[in-house]
Amino acid sequence: MIMQELDQLQQAALKAIDGAIDIPALEQYRVDYLGKNGALTERLKMLGQLPVADRPA
């Protein structure tokens, strides 16, 4: 489940990066996905809440 979400997030991020038309847009995508409250950061925080058996190896 979480791995599926991470794969979808990766695809969305790559699509956004490909569509960036200038440096400020690219920087905004970096913040949106990798920033302190970014999409990837939020997903990684969720990993710590998963039972050990469900965590990706």
N, C-alpha and C. Protein backbone atom coordinates (compact mmCIF):
# COMPACT_ATOMS: atom_id res chain seq x y z
N MET A 1 0.82 -1.18 0.00
CA MET A 1 0.00 0.00 0.00
C MET A 1 0.87 1.26 0.00
N ILE A 2 1.76 1.39 0.96
CA ILE A 2 2.61 2.58 1.02
C ILE A 2 3.57 2.62 -0.18
N MET A 3 4.03 1.45 -0.60
CA MET A 3 4.93 1.41 -1.76
C MET A 3 4.20 1.88 -3.01
N GLN A 4 2.94 1.52 -3.12
CA GLN A 4 2.13 1.96 -4.26
C GLN A 4 1.99 3.48 -4.24
N GLU A 5 1.75 4.04 -3.07
CA GLU A 5 1.64 5.50 -2.94
C GLU A 5 2.95 6.17 -3.31
N LEU A 6 4.06 5.59 -2.88
CA LEU A 6 5.37 6.17 -3.20
C LEU A 6 5.64 6.10 -4.70
N ASP A 7 5.26 5.02 -5.34
CA ASP A 7 5.42 4.90 -6.79
C ASP A 7 4.58 5.95 -7.52
N GLN A 8 3.35 6.15 -7.06
CA GLN A 8 2.48 7.16 -7.67
C GLN A 8 3.05 8.56 -7.46
N LEU A 9 3.57 8.80 -6.28
CA LEU A 9 4.17 10.09 -5.97
C LEU A 9 5.39 10.34 -6.86
N GLN A 10 6.18 9.31 -7.07
CA GLN A 10 7.35 9.44 -7.93
C GLN A 10 6.93 9.79 -9.35
N GLN A 11 5.94 9.11 -9.86
CA GLN A 11 5.47 9.39 -11.22
C GLN A 11 4.94 10.82 -11.34
N ALA A 12 4.18 11.27 -10.34
CA ALA A 12 3.66 12.63 -10.35
C ALA A 12 4.79 13.66 -10.30
N ALA A 13 5.79 13.39 -9.48
CA ALA A 13 6.92 14.32 -9.36
C ALA A 13 7.70 14.39 -10.67
N LEU A 14 7.94 13.25 -11.28
CA LEU A 14 8.67 13.25 -12.55
C LEU A 14 7.90 13.98 -13.63
N LYS A 15 6.60 13.81 -13.65
CA LYS A 15 5.76 14.50 -14.63
C LYS A 15 5.81 16.01 -14.39
N ALA A 16 5.76 16.41 -13.13
CA ALA A 16 5.82 17.83 -12.79
C ALA A 16 7.17 18.43 -13.20
N ILE A 17 8.24 17.70 -12.94
CA ILE A 17 9.58 18.17 -13.30
C ILE A 17 9.71 18.33 -14.81
N ASP A 18 9.19 17.35 -15.54
CA ASP A 18 9.24 17.43 -17.00
C ASP A 18 8.47 18.64 -17.53
N GLY A 19 7.43 19.04 -16.80
CA GLY A 19 6.61 20.16 -17.24
C GLY A 19 7.09 21.52 -16.75
N ALA A 20 8.14 21.54 -15.96
CA ALA A 20 8.65 22.81 -15.43
C ALA A 20 9.17 23.67 -16.58
N ILE A 21 8.70 24.91 -16.61
CA ILE A 21 9.07 25.78 -17.72
C ILE A 21 10.22 26.73 -17.38
N ASP A 22 10.51 26.87 -16.08
CA ASP A 22 11.61 27.75 -15.69
C ASP A 22 12.13 27.32 -14.31
N ILE A 23 13.20 27.95 -13.89
CA ILE A 23 13.84 27.60 -12.63
C ILE A 23 12.92 27.84 -11.42
N PRO A 24 12.20 28.95 -11.36
CA PRO A 24 11.29 29.12 -10.21
C PRO A 24 10.22 28.03 -10.12
N ALA A 25 9.72 27.58 -11.24
CA ALA A 25 8.73 26.50 -11.23
C ALA A 25 9.37 25.21 -10.73
N LEU A 26 10.57 24.94 -11.17
CA LEU A 26 11.29 23.75 -10.72
C LEU A 26 11.56 23.81 -9.21
N GLU A 27 11.92 24.97 -8.72
CA GLU A 27 12.15 25.15 -7.29
C GLU A 27 10.86 24.92 -6.50
N GLN A 28 9.74 25.38 -7.03
CA GLN A 28 8.46 25.18 -6.35
C GLN A 28 8.13 23.69 -6.28
N TYR A 29 8.40 22.94 -7.34
CA TYR A 29 8.17 21.50 -7.31
C TYR A 29 9.07 20.82 -6.29
N ARG A 30 10.31 21.30 -6.18
CA ARG A 30 11.22 20.74 -5.18
C ARG A 30 10.64 20.93 -3.78
N VAL A 31 10.16 22.11 -3.51
CA VAL A 31 9.56 22.40 -2.20
C VAL A 31 8.31 21.56 -2.00
N ASP A 32 7.47 21.48 -3.03
CA ASP A 32 6.21 20.73 -2.92
C ASP A 32 6.43 19.26 -2.62
N TYR A 33 7.46 18.68 -3.19
CA TYR A 33 7.69 17.25 -3.02
C TYR A 33 8.72 16.92 -1.95
N LEU A 34 9.75 17.74 -1.80
CA LEU A 34 10.87 17.39 -0.91
C LEU A 34 11.01 18.30 0.30
N GLY A 35 10.24 19.35 0.35
CA GLY A 35 10.34 20.32 1.44
C GLY A 35 9.90 19.75 2.79
N LYS A 36 10.02 20.57 3.82
CA LYS A 36 9.71 20.16 5.19
C LYS A 36 8.31 19.58 5.31
N ASN A 37 7.36 20.16 4.62
CA ASN A 37 5.98 19.66 4.63
C ASN A 37 5.59 19.11 3.27
N GLY A 38 6.58 18.68 2.50
CA GLY A 38 6.34 18.18 1.16
C GLY A 38 5.68 16.82 1.15
N ALA A 39 5.22 16.45 -0.03
CA ALA A 39 4.49 15.19 -0.19
C ALA A 39 5.35 13.98 0.19
N LEU A 40 6.59 13.93 -0.26
CA LEU A 40 7.45 12.79 0.08
C LEU A 40 7.76 12.76 1.57
N THR A 41 8.04 13.91 2.14
CA THR A 41 8.34 13.98 3.57
C THR A 41 7.18 13.46 4.40
N GLU A 42 5.97 13.83 4.03
CA GLU A 42 4.78 13.36 4.76
C GLU A 42 4.64 11.85 4.65
N ARG A 43 4.91 11.29 3.47
CA ARG A 43 4.80 9.83 3.29
C ARG A 43 5.85 9.11 4.11
N LEU A 44 7.06 9.66 4.15
CA LEU A 44 8.13 9.02 4.91
C LEU A 44 7.84 9.05 6.40
N LYS A 45 7.19 10.10 6.87
CA LYS A 45 6.80 10.15 8.28
C LYS A 45 5.82 9.02 8.60
N MET A 46 4.98 8.67 7.64
CA MET A 46 4.00 7.61 7.84
C MET A 46 4.67 6.25 8.00
N LEU A 47 5.84 6.07 7.41
CA LEU A 47 6.53 4.78 7.50
C LEU A 47 6.82 4.40 8.95
N GLY A 48 7.15 5.36 9.77
CA GLY A 48 7.44 5.09 11.17
C GLY A 48 6.24 4.61 11.95
N GLN A 49 5.05 4.85 11.44
CA GLN A 49 3.83 4.45 12.12
C GLN A 49 3.36 3.06 11.71
N LEU A 50 3.96 2.52 10.67
CA LEU A 50 3.57 1.19 10.20
C LEU A 50 4.11 0.10 11.12
N PRO A 51 3.38 -1.00 11.25
CA PRO A 51 3.92 -2.14 11.98
C PRO A 51 5.19 -2.64 11.27
N VAL A 52 6.11 -3.18 12.01
CA VAL A 52 7.39 -3.63 11.44
C VAL A 52 7.18 -4.59 10.28
N ALA A 53 6.21 -5.47 10.38
CA ALA A 53 5.96 -6.46 9.33
C ALA A 53 5.52 -5.81 8.03
N ASP A 54 4.92 -4.63 8.09
CA ASP A 54 4.41 -3.96 6.90
C ASP A 54 5.40 -2.98 6.28
N ARG A 55 6.50 -2.72 6.96
CA ARG A 55 7.47 -1.77 6.45
C ARG A 55 8.23 -2.37 5.27
N PRO A 56 8.52 -1.53 4.26
CA PRO A 56 9.31 -2.04 3.14
C PRO A 56 10.72 -2.41 3.60
N ALA A 57 11.27 -3.43 3.00
CA ALA A 57 12.61 -3.90 3.38
C ALA A 57 13.67 -3.01 2.79
